[in-house]
PDB file of all heavy atoms in Angstrom:
ATOM      1  N   ARG A   1     204.904-124.745 -21.487  1.00  0.00           N
ATOM      2  CA  ARG A   1     205.531-126.056 -21.561  1.00  0.00           C
ATOM      3  C   ARG A   1     204.504-127.177 -21.431  1.00  0.00           C
ATOM      4  O   ARG A   1     203.536-127.076 -20.685  1.00  0.00           O
ATOM      5  CB  ARG A   1     206.587-126.184 -20.463  1.00  0.00           C
ATOM      6  CG  ARG A   1     207.705-125.158 -20.589  1.00  0.00           C
ATOM      7  CD  ARG A   1     208.659-125.236 -19.407  1.00  0.00           C
ATOM      8  NE  ARG A   1     209.328-126.524 -19.355  1.00  0.00           N
ATOM      9  CZ  ARG A   1     210.124-126.891 -18.348  1.00  0.00           C
ATOM     10  NH1 ARG A   1     210.326-126.073 -17.337  1.00  0.00           N
ATOM     11  NH2 ARG A   1     210.692-128.088 -18.363  1.00  0.00           N
ATOM     12  N   LYS A   2     204.717-128.254 -22.178  1.00  0.00           N
ATOM     13  CA  LYS A   2     203.808-129.386 -22.156  1.00  0.00           C
ATOM     14  C   LYS A   2     204.200-130.364 -21.046  1.00  0.00           C
ATOM     15  O   LYS A   2     205.368-130.475 -20.669  1.00  0.00           O
ATOM     16  CB  LYS A   2     203.829-130.099 -23.516  1.00  0.00           C
ATOM     17  CG  LYS A   2     203.255-129.262 -24.649  1.00  0.00           C
ATOM     18  CD  LYS A   2     203.231-130.066 -25.942  1.00  0.00           C
ATOM     19  CE  LYS A   2     202.621-129.251 -27.079  1.00  0.00           C
ATOM     20  NZ  LYS A   2     202.569-130.020 -28.349  1.00  0.00           N
ATOM     21  N   TRP A   3     203.221-131.086 -20.558  1.00  0.00           N
ATOM     22  CA  TRP A   3     203.484-132.114 -19.556  1.00  0.00           C
ATOM     23  C   TRP A   3     204.300-133.232 -20.205  1.00  0.00           C
ATOM     24  O   TRP A   3     204.092-133.576 -21.373  1.00  0.00           O
ATOM     25  CB  TRP A   3     202.175-132.680 -19.022  1.00  0.00           C
ATOM     26  CG  TRP A   3     201.340-131.673 -18.272  1.00  0.00           C
ATOM     27  CD1 TRP A   3     201.597-130.343 -18.111  1.00  0.00           C
ATOM     28  CD2 TRP A   3     200.115-131.928 -17.593  1.00  0.00           C
ATOM     29  NE1 TRP A   3     200.612-129.756 -17.367  1.00  0.00           N
ATOM     30  CE2 TRP A   3     199.685-130.693 -17.038  1.00  0.00           C
ATOM     31  CE3 TRP A   3     199.336-133.059 -17.394  1.00  0.00           C
ATOM     32  CZ2 TRP A   3     198.507-130.585 -16.302  1.00  0.00           C
ATOM     33  CZ3 TRP A   3     198.169-132.954 -16.660  1.00  0.00           C
ATOM     34  CH2 TRP A   3     197.760-131.726 -16.117  1.00  0.00           C
ATOM     35  N   LYS A   4     205.177-133.825 -19.415  1.00  0.00           N
ATOM     36  CA  LYS A   4     206.074-134.825 -19.983  1.00  0.00           C
ATOM     37  C   LYS A   4     206.289-135.969 -18.999  1.00  0.00           C
ATOM     38  O   LYS A   4     206.006-135.880 -17.809  1.00  0.00           O
ATOM     39  CB  LYS A   4     207.415-134.183 -20.350  1.00  0.00           C
ATOM     40  CG  LYS A   4     208.111-133.506 -19.171  1.00  0.00           C
ATOM     41  CD  LYS A   4     209.360-132.755 -19.597  1.00  0.00           C
ATOM     42  CE  LYS A   4     210.025-132.069 -18.410  1.00  0.00           C
ATOM     43  NZ  LYS A   4     211.218-131.309 -18.808  1.00  0.00           N
ATOM     44  N   TRP A   5     206.810-137.060 -19.518  1.00  0.00           N
ATOM     45  CA  TRP A   5     207.121-138.233 -18.709  1.00  0.00           C
ATOM     46  C   TRP A   5     208.575-138.166 -18.250  1.00  0.00           C
ATOM     47  O   TRP A   5     209.467-137.785 -19.004  1.00  0.00           O
ATOM     48  CB  TRP A   5     206.897-139.507 -19.514  1.00  0.00           C
ATOM     49  CG  TRP A   5     207.355-140.742 -18.797  1.00  0.00           C
ATOM     50  CD1 TRP A   5     208.542-141.397 -18.956  1.00  0.00           C
ATOM     51  CD2 TRP A   5     206.644-141.444 -17.781  1.00  0.00           C
ATOM     52  NE1 TRP A   5     208.618-142.474 -18.106  1.00  0.00           N
ATOM     53  CE2 TRP A   5     207.469-142.525 -17.374  1.00  0.00           C
ATOM     54  CE3 TRP A   5     205.401-141.274 -17.178  1.00  0.00           C
ATOM     55  CZ2 TRP A   5     207.078-143.433 -16.388  1.00  0.00           C
ATOM     56  CZ3 TRP A   5     205.007-142.172 -16.204  1.00  0.00           C
ATOM     57  CH2 TRP A   5     205.832-143.242 -15.816  1.00  0.00           C
ATOM     58  N   ASP A   6     208.783-138.535 -16.992  1.00  0.00           N
ATOM     59  CA  ASP A   6     210.130-138.590 -16.438  1.00  0.00           C
ATOM     60  C   ASP A   6     210.199-139.811 -15.523  1.00  0.00           C
ATOM     61  O   ASP A   6     209.497-139.871 -14.506  1.00  0.00           O
ATOM     62  CB  ASP A   6     210.437-137.310 -15.655  1.00  0.00           C
ATOM     63  CG  ASP A   6     211.902-137.237 -15.210  1.00  0.00           C
ATOM     64  OD1 ASP A   6     212.439-138.260 -14.743  1.00  0.00           O
ATOM     65  OD2 ASP A   6     212.495-136.148 -15.313  1.00  0.00           O
ATOM     66  N   GLY A   7     211.027-140.771 -15.901  1.00  0.00           N
ATOM     67  CA  GLY A   7     211.111-142.012 -15.139  1.00  0.00           C
ATOM     68  C   GLY A   7     211.540-141.808 -13.697  1.00  0.00           C
ATOM     69  O   GLY A   7     211.046-142.475 -12.782  1.00  0.00           O
ATOM     70  N   LYS A   8     212.461-140.861 -13.458  1.00  0.00           N
ATOM     71  CA  LYS A   8     212.917-140.593 -12.100  1.00  0.00           C
ATOM     72  C   LYS A   8     211.804-140.003 -11.240  1.00  0.00           C
ATOM     73  O   LYS A   8     211.654-140.354 -10.067  1.00  0.00           O
ATOM     74  CB  LYS A   8     214.121-139.640 -12.133  1.00  0.00           C
ATOM     75  CG  LYS A   8     215.371-140.240 -12.760  1.00  0.00           C
ATOM     76  CD  LYS A   8     216.533-139.263 -12.724  1.00  0.00           C
ATOM     77  CE  LYS A   8     217.790-139.881 -13.326  1.00  0.00           C
ATOM     78  NZ  LYS A   8     218.946-138.928 -13.319  1.00  0.00           N
ATOM     79  N   VAL A   9     211.041-139.112 -11.827  1.00  0.00           N
ATOM     80  CA  VAL A   9     209.913-138.520 -11.095  1.00  0.00           C
ATOM     81  C   VAL A   9     208.866-139.585 -10.782  1.00  0.00           C
ATOM     82  O   VAL A   9     208.291-139.617  -9.685  1.00  0.00           O
ATOM     83  CB  VAL A   9     209.279-137.364 -11.907  1.00  0.00           C
ATOM     84  CG1 VAL A   9     208.001-136.856 -11.228  1.00  0.00           C
ATOM     85  CG2 VAL A   9     210.275-136.225 -12.072  1.00  0.00           C
ATOM     86  N   ALA A  10     208.626-140.469 -11.751  1.00  0.00           N
ATOM     87  CA  ALA A  10     207.658-141.547 -11.531  1.00  0.00           C
ATOM     88  C   ALA A  10     208.095-142.439 -10.371  1.00  0.00           C
ATOM     89  O   ALA A  10     207.291-142.808  -9.498  1.00  0.00           O
ATOM     90  CB  ALA A  10     207.494-142.372 -12.803  1.00  0.00           C
ATOM     91  N   THR A  11     209.386-142.782 -10.367  1.00  0.00           N
ATOM     92  CA  THR A  11     209.922-143.614  -9.284  1.00  0.00           C
ATOM     93  C   THR A  11     209.777-142.913  -7.941  1.00  0.00           C
ATOM     94  O   THR A  11     209.394-143.534  -6.932  1.00  0.00           O
ATOM     95  CB  THR A  11     211.405-143.935  -9.539  1.00  0.00           C
ATOM     96  OG1 THR A  11     211.530-144.590 -10.801  1.00  0.00           O
ATOM     97  CG2 THR A  11     211.959-144.826  -8.442  1.00  0.00           C
ATOM     98  N   LEU A  12     210.059-141.613  -7.920  1.00  0.00           N
ATOM     99  CA  LEU A  12     209.961-140.837  -6.679  1.00  0.00           C
ATOM    100  C   LEU A  12     208.520-140.772  -6.175  1.00  0.00           C
ATOM    101  O   LEU A  12     208.261-140.965  -4.976  1.00  0.00           O
ATOM    102  CB  LEU A  12     210.501-139.420  -6.920  1.00  0.00           C
ATOM    103  CG  LEU A  12     210.468-138.485  -5.697  1.00  0.00           C
ATOM    104  CD1 LEU A  12     211.393-139.009  -4.610  1.00  0.00           C
ATOM    105  CD2 LEU A  12     210.873-137.072  -6.115  1.00  0.00           C
ATOM    106  N   LEU A  13     207.575-140.517  -7.096  1.00  0.00           N
ATOM    107  CA  LEU A  13     206.171-140.430  -6.703  1.00  0.00           C
ATOM    108  C   LEU A  13     205.650-141.760  -6.179  1.00  0.00           C
ATOM    109  O   LEU A  13     204.920-141.810  -5.181  1.00  0.00           O
ATOM    110  CB  LEU A  13     205.310-139.962  -7.882  1.00  0.00           C
ATOM    111  CG  LEU A  13     205.356-138.480  -8.235  1.00  0.00           C
ATOM    112  CD1 LEU A  13     204.441-138.198  -9.425  1.00  0.00           C
ATOM    113  CD2 LEU A  13     204.941-137.612  -7.052  1.00  0.00           C
ATOM    114  N   LEU A  14     206.021-142.832  -6.859  1.00  0.00           N
ATOM    115  CA  LEU A  14     205.573-144.160  -6.419  1.00  0.00           C
ATOM    116  C   LEU A  14     206.223-144.549  -5.094  1.00  0.00           C
ATOM    117  O   LEU A  14     205.577-145.156  -4.232  1.00  0.00           O
ATOM    118  CB  LEU A  14     205.900-145.204  -7.490  1.00  0.00           C
ATOM    119  CG  LEU A  14     205.100-145.097  -8.792  1.00  0.00           C
ATOM    120  CD1 LEU A  14     205.624-146.083  -9.826  1.00  0.00           C
ATOM    121  CD2 LEU A  14     203.607-145.332  -8.539  1.00  0.00           C
ATOM    122  N   LYS A  15     207.492-144.176  -4.920  1.00  0.00           N
ATOM    123  CA  LYS A  15     208.201-144.498  -3.680  1.00  0.00           C
ATOM    124  C   LYS A  15     207.621-143.734  -2.499  1.00  0.00           C
ATOM    125  O   LYS A  15     207.373-144.307  -1.424  1.00  0.00           O
ATOM    126  CB  LYS A  15     209.687-144.174  -3.841  1.00  0.00           C
ATOM    127  CG  LYS A  15     210.506-144.481  -2.597  1.00  0.00           C
ATOM    128  CD  LYS A  15     211.968-144.095  -2.799  1.00  0.00           C
ATOM    129  CE  LYS A  15     212.775-144.317  -1.523  1.00  0.00           C
ATOM    130  NZ  LYS A  15     214.200-143.917  -1.698  1.00  0.00           N
ATOM    131  N   ASP A  16     207.399-142.424  -2.690  1.00  0.00           N
ATOM    132  CA  ASP A  16     206.853-141.604  -1.603  1.00  0.00           C
ATOM    133  C   ASP A  16     205.343-141.750  -1.464  1.00  0.00           C
ATOM    134  O   ASP A  16     204.785-141.470  -0.401  1.00  0.00           O
ATOM    135  CB  ASP A  16     207.185-140.124  -1.848  1.00  0.00           C
ATOM    136  CG  ASP A  16     208.683-139.845  -1.754  1.00  0.00           C
ATOM    137  OD1 ASP A  16     209.402-140.709  -1.201  1.00  0.00           O
ATOM    138  OD2 ASP A  16     209.118-138.780  -2.225  1.00  0.00           O
ATOM    139  N   GLY A  17     204.693-142.176  -2.552  1.00  0.00           N
ATOM    140  CA  GLY A  17     203.233-142.155  -2.546  1.00  0.00           C
ATOM    141  C   GLY A  17     202.549-143.442  -2.125  1.00  0.00           C
ATOM    142  O   GLY A  17     201.362-143.427  -1.803  1.00  0.00           O
ATOM    143  N   TRP A  18     203.277-144.567  -2.105  1.00  0.00           N
ATOM    144  CA  TRP A  18     202.594-145.829  -1.801  1.00  0.00           C
ATOM    145  C   TRP A  18     201.962-145.855  -0.407  1.00  0.00           C
ATOM    146  O   TRP A  18     200.891-146.453  -0.245  1.00  0.00           O
ATOM    147  CB  TRP A  18     203.530-147.016  -2.008  1.00  0.00           C
ATOM    148  CG  TRP A  18     204.652-147.161  -1.016  1.00  0.00           C
ATOM    149  CD1 TRP A  18     205.919-146.681  -1.131  1.00  0.00           C
ATOM    150  CD2 TRP A  18     204.602-147.853   0.238  1.00  0.00           C
ATOM    151  NE1 TRP A  18     206.674-147.007  -0.042  1.00  0.00           N
ATOM    152  CE2 TRP A  18     205.888-147.740   0.826  1.00  0.00           C
ATOM    153  CE3 TRP A  18     203.612-148.552   0.920  1.00  0.00           C
ATOM    154  CZ2 TRP A  18     206.198-148.281   2.063  1.00  0.00           C
ATOM    155  CZ3 TRP A  18     203.918-149.116   2.155  1.00  0.00           C
ATOM    156  CH2 TRP A  18     205.187-148.980   2.716  1.00  0.00           C
ATOM    157  N   PRO A  19     202.550-145.192   0.616  1.00  0.00           N
ATOM    158  CA  PRO A  19     201.833-145.174   1.899  1.00  0.00           C
ATOM    159  C   PRO A  19     200.491-144.454   1.804  1.00  0.00           C
ATOM    160  O   PRO A  19     199.508-144.864   2.431  1.00  0.00           O
ATOM    161  CB  PRO A  19     202.788-144.422   2.834  1.00  0.00           C
ATOM    162  CG  PRO A  19     204.133-144.560   2.203  1.00  0.00           C
ATOM    163  CD  PRO A  19     203.868-144.558   0.737  1.00  0.00           C
ATOM    164  N   TYR A  20     200.440-143.380   0.994  1.00  0.00           N
ATOM    165  CA  TYR A  20     199.201-142.629   0.837  1.00  0.00           C
ATOM    166  C   TYR A  20     198.155-143.443   0.070  1.00  0.00           C
ATOM    167  O   TYR A  20     196.957-143.360   0.362  1.00  0.00           O
ATOM    168  CB  TYR A  20     199.474-141.302   0.119  1.00  0.00           C
ATOM    169  CG  TYR A  20     200.385-140.380   0.892  1.00  0.00           C
ATOM    170  CD1 TYR A  20     201.743-140.340   0.619  1.00  0.00           C
ATOM    171  CD2 TYR A  20     199.890-139.559   1.896  1.00  0.00           C
ATOM    172  CE1 TYR A  20     202.600-139.501   1.331  1.00  0.00           C
ATOM    173  CE2 TYR A  20     200.724-138.713   2.611  1.00  0.00           C
ATOM    174  CZ  TYR A  20     202.072-138.694   2.327  1.00  0.00           C
ATOM    175  OH  TYR A  20     202.911-137.871   3.038  1.00  0.00           O
ATOM    176  N   LEU A  21     198.621-144.245  -0.914  1.00  0.00           N
ATOM    177  CA  LEU A  21     197.699-145.092  -1.662  1.00  0.00           C
ATOM    178  C   LEU A  21     197.102-146.160  -0.754  1.00  0.00           C
ATOM    179  O   LEU A  21     195.885-146.370  -0.740  1.00  0.00           O
ATOM    180  CB  LEU A  21     198.414-145.746  -2.842  1.00  0.00           C
ATOM    181  CG  LEU A  21     197.603-146.800  -3.616  1.00  0.00           C
ATOM    182  CD1 LEU A  21     196.323-146.198  -4.163  1.00  0.00           C
ATOM    183  CD2 LEU A  21     198.434-147.414  -4.726  1.00  0.00           C
ATOM    184  N   LEU A  22     197.952-146.841   0.000  1.00  0.00           N
ATOM    185  CA  LEU A  22     197.451-147.860   0.923  1.00  0.00           C
ATOM    186  C   LEU A  22     196.514-147.248   1.951  1.00  0.00           C
ATOM    187  O   LEU A  22     195.508-147.845   2.335  1.00  0.00           O
ATOM    188  CB  LEU A  22     198.624-148.559   1.615  1.00  0.00           C
ATOM    189  CG  LEU A  22     199.472-149.492   0.747  1.00  0.00           C
ATOM    190  CD1 LEU A  22     200.561-150.141   1.583  1.00  0.00           C
ATOM    191  CD2 LEU A  22     198.616-150.559   0.080  1.00  0.00           C
ATOM    192  N   SER A  23     196.857-146.043   2.388  1.00  0.00           N
ATOM    193  CA  SER A  23     195.989-145.351   3.343  1.00  0.00           C
ATOM    194  C   SER A  23     194.634-145.037   2.729  1.00  0.00           C
ATOM    195  O   SER A  23     193.596-145.259   3.346  1.00  0.00           O
ATOM    196  CB  SER A  23     196.664-144.052   3.800  1.00  0.00           C
ATOM    197  OG  SER A  23     195.779-143.277   4.575  1.00  0.00           O
ATOM    198  N   ALA A  24     194.648-144.531   1.495  1.00  0.00           N
ATOM    199  CA  ALA A  24     193.392-144.179   0.827  1.00  0.00           C
ATOM    200  C   ALA A  24     192.525-145.415   0.610  1.00  0.00           C
ATOM    201  O   ALA A  24     191.301-145.369   0.813  1.00  0.00           O
ATOM    202  CB  ALA A  24     193.691-143.504  -0.515  1.00  0.00           C
ATOM    203  N   LEU A  25     193.156-146.528   0.212  1.00  0.00           N
ATOM    204  CA  LEU A  25     192.403-147.767   0.015  1.00  0.00           C
ATOM    205  C   LEU A  25     191.835-148.285   1.333  1.00  0.00           C
ATOM    206  O   LEU A  25     190.702-148.767   1.388  1.00  0.00           O
ATOM    207  CB  LEU A  25     193.305-148.834  -0.621  1.00  0.00           C
ATOM    208  CG  LEU A  25     193.738-148.568  -2.065  1.00  0.00           C
ATOM    209  CD1 LEU A  25     194.722-149.630  -2.529  1.00  0.00           C
ATOM    210  CD2 LEU A  25     192.527-148.519  -2.993  1.00  0.00           C
ATOM    211  N   SER A  26     192.627-148.173   2.390  1.00  0.00           N
ATOM    212  CA  SER A  26     192.148-148.612   3.700  1.00  0.00           C
ATOM    213  C   SER A  26     191.000-147.747   4.181  1.00  0.00           C
ATOM    214  O   SER A  26     190.034-148.238   4.773  1.00  0.00           O
ATOM    215  CB  SER A  26     193.293-148.577   4.718  1.00  0.00           C
ATOM    216  OG  SER A  26     194.311-149.470   4.364  1.00  0.00           O
ATOM    217  N   VAL A  27     191.089-146.444   3.901  1.00  0.00           N
ATOM    218  CA  VAL A  27     190.005-145.532   4.285  1.00  0.00           C
ATOM    219  C   VAL A  27     188.715-145.903   3.570  1.00  0.00           C
ATOM    220  O   VAL A  27     187.644-145.985   4.174  1.00  0.00           O
ATOM    221  CB  VAL A  27     190.389-144.068   3.981  1.00  0.00           C
ATOM    222  CG1 VAL A  27     189.161-143.163   4.100  1.00  0.00           C
ATOM    223  CG2 VAL A  27     191.466-143.593   4.940  1.00  0.00           C
ATOM    224  N   VAL A  28     188.825-146.126   2.253  1.00  0.00           N
ATOM    225  CA  VAL A  28     187.641-146.533   1.487  1.00  0.00           C
ATOM    226  C   VAL A  28     187.103-147.854   2.009  1.00  0.00           C
ATOM    227  O   VAL A  28     185.877-148.044   2.133  1.00  0.00           O
ATOM    228  CB  VAL A  28     187.978-146.645  -0.015  1.00  0.00           C
ATOM    229  CG1 VAL A  28     186.815-147.248  -0.782  1.00  0.00           C
ATOM    230  CG2 VAL A  28     188.307-145.273  -0.574  1.00  0.00           C
ATOM    231  N   LEU A  29     188.014-148.764   2.351  1.00  0.00           N
ATOM    232  CA  LEU A  29     187.599-150.071   2.843  1.00  0.00           C
ATOM    233  C   LEU A  29     186.795-149.947   4.123  1.00  0.00           C
ATOM    234  O   LEU A  29     185.706-150.511   4.246  1.00  0.00           O
ATOM    235  CB  LEU A  29     188.827-150.964   3.058  1.00  0.00           C
ATOM    236  CG  LEU A  29     188.548-152.425   3.418  1.00  0.00           C
ATOM    237  CD1 LEU A  29     187.797-153.112   2.290  1.00  0.00           C
ATOM    238  CD2 LEU A  29     189.847-153.156   3.726  1.00  0.00           C
ATOM    239  N   TYR A  30     187.338-149.199   5.097  1.00  0.00           N
ATOM    240  CA  TYR A  30     186.596-149.128   6.352  1.00  0.00           C
ATOM    241  C   TYR A  30     185.471-148.096   6.325  1.00  0.00           C
ATOM    242  O   TYR A  30     184.628-148.072   7.209  1.00  0.00           O
ATOM    243  CB  TYR A  30     187.527-148.952   7.561  1.00  0.00           C
ATOM    244  CG  TYR A  30     188.100-147.581   7.837  1.00  0.00           C
ATOM    245  CD1 TYR A  30     187.301-146.527   8.259  1.00  0.00           C
ATOM    246  CD2 TYR A  30     189.472-147.355   7.775  1.00  0.00           C
ATOM    247  CE1 TYR A  30     187.843-145.301   8.556  1.00  0.00           C
ATOM    248  CE2 TYR A  30     190.019-146.134   8.090  1.00  0.00           C
ATOM    249  CZ  TYR A  30     189.186-145.096   8.477  1.00  0.00           C
ATOM    250  OH  TYR A  30     189.734-143.877   8.781  1.00  0.00           O
ATOM    251  N   MET A  31     185.439-147.234   5.288  1.00  0.00           N
ATOM    252  CA  MET A  31     184.304-146.320   5.151  1.00  0.00           C
ATOM    253  C   MET A  31     183.159-146.952   4.367  1.00  0.00           C
ATOM    254  O   MET A  31     182.006-146.537   4.502  1.00  0.00           O
ATOM    255  CB  MET A  31     184.746-145.034   4.448  1.00  0.00           C
ATOM    256  CG  MET A  31     185.692-144.170   5.263  1.00  0.00           C
ATOM    257  SD  MET A  31     184.917-143.398   6.687  1.00  0.00           S
ATOM    258  CE  MET A  31     183.944-142.120   5.897  1.00  0.00           C
ATOM    259  N   ARG A  32     183.480-147.951   3.518  1.00  0.00           N
ATOM    260  CA  ARG A  32     182.462-148.540   2.643  1.00  0.00           C
ATOM    261  C   ARG A  32     182.198-150.021   2.880  1.00  0.00           C
ATOM    262  O   ARG A  32     181.223-150.550   2.369  1.00  0.00           O
ATOM    263  CB  ARG A  32     182.882-148.334   1.180  1.00  0.00           C
ATOM    264  CG  ARG A  32     182.882-146.885   0.737  1.00  0.00           C
ATOM    265  CD  ARG A  32     181.485-146.373   0.489  1.00  0.00           C
ATOM    266  NE  ARG A  32     181.490-145.001   0.006  1.00  0.00           N
ATOM    267  CZ  ARG A  32     180.453-144.399  -0.589  1.00  0.00           C
ATOM    268  NH1 ARG A  32     179.325-145.076  -0.765  1.00  0.00           N
ATOM    269  NH2 ARG A  32     180.541-143.159  -0.988  1.00  0.00           N
ATOM    270  N   ILE A  33     183.084-150.672   3.642  1.00  0.00           N
ATOM    271  CA  ILE A  33     182.907-152.111   3.843  1.00  0.00           C
ATOM    272  C   ILE A  33     181.609-152.413   4.554  1.00  0.00           C
ATOM    273  O   ILE A  33     181.022-153.489   4.378  1.00  0.00           O
ATOM    274  CB  ILE A  33     184.107-152.697   4.640  1.00  0.00           C
ATOM    275  CG1 ILE A  33     184.118-154.227   4.563  1.00  0.00           C
ATOM    276  CG2 ILE A  33     184.086-152.232   6.088  1.00  0.00           C
ATOM    277  CD1 ILE A  33     184.323-154.787   3.206  1.00  0.00           C
ATOM    278  N   ASP A  34     181.133-151.460   5.371  1.00  0.00           N
ATOM    279  CA  ASP A  34     179.864-151.683   6.068  1.00  0.00           C
ATOM    280  C   ASP A  34     178.719-151.879   5.088  1.00  0.00           C
ATOM    281  O   ASP A  34     177.840-152.721   5.302  1.00  0.00           O
ATOM    282  CB  ASP A  34     179.565-150.530   7.025  1.00  0.00           C
ATOM    283  CG  ASP A  34     179.690-149.158   6.373  1.00  0.00           C
ATOM    284  OD1 ASP A  34     180.016-149.095   5.166  1.00  0.00           O
ATOM    285  OD2 ASP A  34     179.491-148.151   7.075  1.00  0.00           O
ATOM    286  N   GLN A  35     178.747-151.137   3.975  1.00  0.00           N
ATOM    287  CA  GLN A  35     177.671-151.267   2.993  1.00  0.00           C
ATOM    288  C   GLN A  35     177.749-152.604   2.258  1.00  0.00           C
ATOM    289  O   GLN A  35     176.723-153.252   2.014  1.00  0.00           O
ATOM    290  CB  GLN A  35     177.729-150.096   2.013  1.00  0.00           C
ATOM    291  CG  GLN A  35     177.513-148.746   2.691  1.00  0.00           C
ATOM    292  CD  GLN A  35     177.457-147.605   1.712  1.00  0.00           C
ATOM    293  OE1 GLN A  35     176.732-147.660   0.717  1.00  0.00           O
ATOM    294  NE2 GLN A  35     178.226-146.562   1.969  1.00  0.00           N
ATOM    295  N   LEU A  36     178.964-153.028   1.912  1.00  0.00           N
ATOM    296  CA  LEU A  36     179.112-154.313   1.235  1.00  0.00           C
ATOM    297  C   LEU A  36     178.750-155.468   2.172  1.00  0.00           C
ATOM    298  O   LEU A  36     178.123-156.452   1.748  1.00  0.00           O
ATOM    299  CB  LEU A  36     180.547-154.470   0.732  1.00  0.00           C
ATOM    300  CG  LEU A  36     181.033-153.405  -0.269  1.00  0.00           C
ATOM    301  CD1 LEU A  36     182.473-153.672  -0.660  1.00  0.00           C
ATOM    302  CD2 LEU A  36     180.143-153.363  -1.496  1.00  0.00           C
ATOM    303  N   MET A  37     179.113-155.337   3.437  1.00  0.00           N
ATOM    304  CA  MET A  37     178.795-156.384   4.407  1.00  0.00           C
ATOM    305  C   MET A  37     177.306-156.403   4.753  1.00  0.00           C
ATOM    306  O   MET A  37     176.737-157.461   5.031  1.00  0.00           O
ATOM    307  CB  MET A  37     179.641-156.201   5.672  1.00  0.00           C
ATOM    308  CG  MET A  37     181.126-156.461   5.450  1.00  0.00           C
ATOM    309  SD  MET A  37     182.141-156.240   6.931  1.00  0.00           S
ATOM    310  CE  MET A  37     181.678-157.710   7.871  1.00  0.00           C
ATOM    311  N   LEU A  38     176.670-155.247   4.743  1.00  0.00           N
ATOM    312  CA  LEU A  38     175.222-155.185   4.981  1.00  0.00           C
ATOM    313  C   LEU A  38     174.462-155.969   3.921  1.00  0.00           C
ATOM    314  O   LEU A  38     173.507-156.690   4.231  1.00  0.00           O
ATOM    315  CB  LEU A  38     174.743-153.731   4.997  1.00  0.00           C
ATOM    316  CG  LEU A  38     174.556-153.061   6.342  1.00  0.00           C
ATOM    317  CD1 LEU A  38     174.193-151.590   6.168  1.00  0.00           C
ATOM    318  CD2 LEU A  38     173.471-153.762   7.153  1.00  0.00           C
ATOM    319  N   ALA A  39     174.877-155.803   2.666  1.00  0.00           N
ATOM    320  CA  ALA A  39     174.203-156.516   1.577  1.00  0.00           C
ATOM    321  C   ALA A  39     174.354-158.026   1.725  1.00  0.00           C
ATOM    322  O   ALA A  39     173.438-158.795   1.387  1.00  0.00           O
ATOM    323  CB  ALA A  39     174.751-156.055   0.231  1.00  0.00           C
ATOM    324  N   ARG A  40     175.506-158.476   2.252  1.00  0.00           N
ATOM    325  CA  ARG A  40     175.764-159.916   2.365  1.00  0.00           C
ATOM    326  C   ARG A  40     175.218-160.493   3.674  1.00  0.00           C
ATOM    327  O   ARG A  40     174.647-161.592   3.683  1.00  0.00           O
ATOM    328  CB  ARG A  40     177.270-160.179   2.245  1.00  0.00           C
ATOM    329  CG  ARG A  40     177.650-161.643   2.338  1.00  0.00           C
ATOM    330  CD  ARG A  40     179.057-161.868   1.849  1.00  0.00           C
ATOM    331  NE  ARG A  40     179.171-161.666   0.408  1.00  0.00           N
ATOM    332  CZ  ARG A  40     178.962-162.606  -0.499  1.00  0.00           C
ATOM    333  NH1 ARG A  40     178.588-163.829  -0.142  1.00  0.00           N
ATOM    334  NH2 ARG A  40     179.098-162.357  -1.776  1.00  0.00           N
ATOM    335  N   LEU A  41     175.395-159.773   4.786  1.00  0.00           N
ATOM    336  CA  LEU A  41     175.008-160.307   6.091  1.00  0.00           C
ATOM    337  C   LEU A  41     173.566-159.992   6.477  1.00  0.00           C
ATOM    338  O   LEU A  41     173.001-160.661   7.337  1.00  0.00           O
ATOM    339  CB  LEU A  41     175.948-159.773   7.180  1.00  0.00           C
ATOM    340  CG  LEU A  41     177.422-160.135   7.038  1.00  0.00           C
ATOM    341  CD1 LEU A  41     178.244-159.500   8.147  1.00  0.00           C
ATOM    342  CD2 LEU A  41     177.611-161.652   7.037  1.00  0.00           C
ATOM    343  N   ALA A  42     172.997-158.964   5.848  1.00  0.00           N
ATOM    344  CA  ALA A  42     171.592-158.600   6.137  1.00  0.00           C
ATOM    345  C   ALA A  42     170.783-158.735   4.844  1.00  0.00           C
ATOM    346  O   ALA A  42     170.349-159.818   4.486  1.00  0.00           O
ATOM    347  CB  ALA A  42     171.507-157.197   6.722  1.00  0.00           C
ATOM    348  N   SER A  43     170.605-157.615   4.140  1.00  0.00           N
ATOM    349  CA  SER A  43     169.860-157.645   2.874  1.00  0.00           C
ATOM    350  C   SER A  43     170.132-156.367   2.105  1.00  0.00           C
ATOM    351  O   SER A  43     170.602-155.374   2.662  1.00  0.00           O
ATOM    352  CB  SER A  43     168.352-157.768   3.140  1.00  0.00           C
ATOM    353  OG  SER A  43     167.870-156.603   3.796  1.00  0.00           O
ATOM    354  N   VAL A  44     169.830-156.385   0.811  1.00  0.00           N
ATOM    355  CA  VAL A  44     169.989-155.199  -0.019  1.00  0.00           C
ATOM    356  C   VAL A  44     169.038-154.102   0.449  1.00  0.00           C
ATOM    357  O   VAL A  44     169.374-152.913   0.417  1.00  0.00           O
ATOM    358  CB  VAL A  44     169.744-155.539  -1.510  1.00  0.00           C
ATOM    359  CG1 VAL A  44     169.782-154.269  -2.357  1.00  0.00           C
ATOM    360  CG2 VAL A  44     170.785-156.524  -2.014  1.00  0.00           C
ATOM    361  N   LYS A  45     167.875-154.478   0.919  1.00  0.00           N
ATOM    362  CA  LYS A  45     166.920-153.492   1.436  1.00  0.00           C
ATOM    363  C   LYS A  45     167.483-152.795   2.666  1.00  0.00           C
ATOM    364  O   LYS A  45     167.370-151.567   2.807  1.00  0.00           O
ATOM    365  CB  LYS A  45     165.601-154.176   1.780  1.00  0.00           C
ATOM    366  CG  LYS A  45     164.541-153.203   2.291  1.00  0.00           C
ATOM    367  CD  LYS A  45     163.237-153.936   2.590  1.00  0.00           C
ATOM    368  CE  LYS A  45     162.189-152.958   3.113  1.00  0.00           C
ATOM    369  NZ  LYS A  45     160.903-153.646   3.433  1.00  0.00           N
TER     370      LYS A  45
END
């Protein structure tokens, strides 16, 4: 069987998945923000 689109499944995934997305973005933010802040507050070196 081929993969297919299903609007109900999409709604379910987005409804159940948004906490995980926000969590993943927050994880990246606090795991990587130090590097972005280092470049701005200190130096690229």
